[in-house]
Amino acid sequence: MLPLAIGILWQYVAQDICIQEKFCIDQVIYRKDNINEQAQLLSRSDIVCFSNYIWNFQYHIALA
């Protein structure tokens, strides 16, 4: 289950066949879990994106 904003963005960009063939969504973090564990999971990705809000900005800064 994806958070709504990520799902909408992915649905839009995935209409492009090049995107479909070369990219996939792997890890979606939607809770403030242990930063070290989450960073380990994300370290396997080539691209990591963050959706920042006032309530998660500091967590994302630490995770990045």
C-alpha atoms as a PDB file:
ATOM      1  CA  MET A   1       0.000   0.000   0.000  1.00  0.00           C
ATOM      2  CA  LEU A   2       1.485   3.318  -1.071  1.00  0.00           C
ATOM      3  CA  PRO A   3       0.883   6.724   0.426  1.00  0.00           C
ATOM      4  CA  LEU A   4      -1.467   8.651  -1.837  1.00  0.00           C
ATOM      5  CA  ALA A   5       0.995  11.253  -3.188  1.00  0.00           C
ATOM      6  CA  ILE A   6       3.556   8.629  -4.206  1.00  0.00           C
ATOM      7  CA  GLY A   7       0.884   6.472  -5.796  1.00  0.00           C
ATOM      8  CA  ILE A   8      -0.461   9.353  -7.860  1.00  0.00           C
ATOM      9  CA  LEU A   9       2.996  10.480  -8.993  1.00  0.00           C
ATOM     10  CA  TRP A  10       4.031   6.936  -9.896  1.00  0.00           C
ATOM     11  CA  GLN A  11       0.811   6.308 -11.823  1.00  0.00           C
ATOM     12  CA  TYR A  12       1.467   9.439 -13.877  1.00  0.00           C
ATOM     13  CA  VAL A  13       5.125   8.804 -14.731  1.00  0.00           C
ATOM     14  CA  ALA A  14       4.583   5.068 -15.295  1.00  0.00           C
ATOM     15  CA  GLN A  15       2.509   5.912 -18.373  1.00  0.00           C
ATOM     16  CA  ASP A  16       5.833   6.392 -20.155  1.00  0.00           C
ATOM     17  CA  ILE A  17       7.097   3.035 -21.481  1.00  0.00           C
ATOM     18  CA  CYS A  18      10.737   4.013 -20.831  1.00  0.00           C
ATOM     19  CA  ILE A  19       9.932   4.618 -17.170  1.00  0.00           C
ATOM     20  CA  GLN A  20       8.090   1.298 -16.945  1.00  0.00           C
ATOM     21  CA  GLU A  21      11.046  -0.587 -18.418  1.00  0.00           C
ATOM     22  CA  LYS A  22      13.823   1.053 -16.391  1.00  0.00           C
ATOM     23  CA  PHE A  23      12.351   1.943 -12.995  1.00  0.00           C
ATOM     24  CA  CYS A  24      10.303   0.384 -10.234  1.00  0.00           C
ATOM     25  CA  ILE A  25       9.206   1.381  -6.760  1.00  0.00           C
ATOM     26  CA  ASP A  26      10.997  -0.735  -4.189  1.00  0.00           C
ATOM     27  CA  GLN A  27      10.916   0.697  -0.681  1.00  0.00           C
ATOM     28  CA  VAL A  28       8.221   3.080   0.477  1.00  0.00           C
ATOM     29  CA  ILE A  29       8.756   4.428   3.964  1.00  0.00           C
ATOM     30  CA  TYR A  30       5.685   5.959   5.495  1.00  0.00           C
ATOM     31  CA  ARG A  31       6.474   5.573   9.208  1.00  0.00           C
ATOM     32  CA  LYS A  32       9.272   7.000  11.302  1.00  0.00           C
ATOM     33  CA  ASP A  33      11.034   3.675  11.874  1.00  0.00           C
ATOM     34  CA  ASN A  34      14.629   3.219  12.999  1.00  0.00           C
ATOM     35  CA  ILE A  35      16.776   5.504  10.832  1.00  0.00           C
ATOM     36  CA  ASN A  36      19.733   3.111  10.601  1.00  0.00           C
ATOM     37  CA  GLU A  37      17.527   0.216   9.478  1.00  0.00           C
ATOM     38  CA  GLN A  38      15.715   2.376   6.922  1.00  0.00           C
ATOM     39  CA  ALA A  39      19.000   3.814   5.613  1.00  0.00           C
ATOM     40  CA  GLN A  40      20.300   0.261   5.131  1.00  0.00           C
ATOM     41  CA  LEU A  41      17.242  -0.600   3.031  1.00  0.00           C
ATOM     42  CA  LEU A  42      17.508   2.582   0.980  1.00  0.00           C
ATOM     43  CA  SER A  43      21.241   2.177   0.375  1.00  0.00           C
ATOM     44  CA  ARG A  44      20.459  -0.510  -2.223  1.00  0.00           C
ATOM     45  CA  SER A  45      18.515   1.986  -4.354  1.00  0.00           C
ATOM     46  CA  ASP A  46      19.915   4.126  -7.143  1.00  0.00           C
ATOM     47  CA  ILE A  47      17.379   6.906  -6.593  1.00  0.00           C
ATOM     48  CA  VAL A  48      15.696   7.902  -3.345  1.00  0.00           C
ATOM     49  CA  CYS A  49      12.916  10.491  -3.191  1.00  0.00           C
ATOM     50  CA  PHE A  50      11.383  12.191  -0.180  1.00  0.00           C
ATOM     51  CA  SER A  51       7.986  13.800   0.246  1.00  0.00           C
ATOM     52  CA  ASN A  52       8.601  16.421   2.905  1.00  0.00           C
ATOM     53  CA  TYR A  53       6.133  17.998   5.243  1.00  0.00           C
ATOM     54  CA  ILE A  54       6.674  19.989   8.417  1.00  0.00           C
ATOM     55  CA  TRP A  55       6.117  16.869  10.536  1.00  0.00           C
ATOM     56  CA  ASN A  56       8.642  14.619   8.746  1.00  0.00           C
ATOM     57  CA  PHE A  57      11.317  17.055   7.551  1.00  0.00           C
ATOM     58  CA  GLN A  58      13.808  16.429  10.374  1.00  0.00           C
ATOM     59  CA  TYR A  59      13.398  12.654  10.024  1.00  0.00           C
ATOM     60  CA  HIS A  60      14.084  12.859   6.285  1.00  0.00           C
ATOM     61  CA  ILE A  61      17.114  15.071   6.801  1.00  0.00           C
ATOM     62  CA  ALA A  62      18.551  12.514   9.251  1.00  0.00           C
ATOM     63  CA  LEU A  63      17.679   9.638   6.907  1.00  0.00           C
ATOM     64  CA  ALA A  64      19.204  11.328   3.860  1.00  0.00           C
END
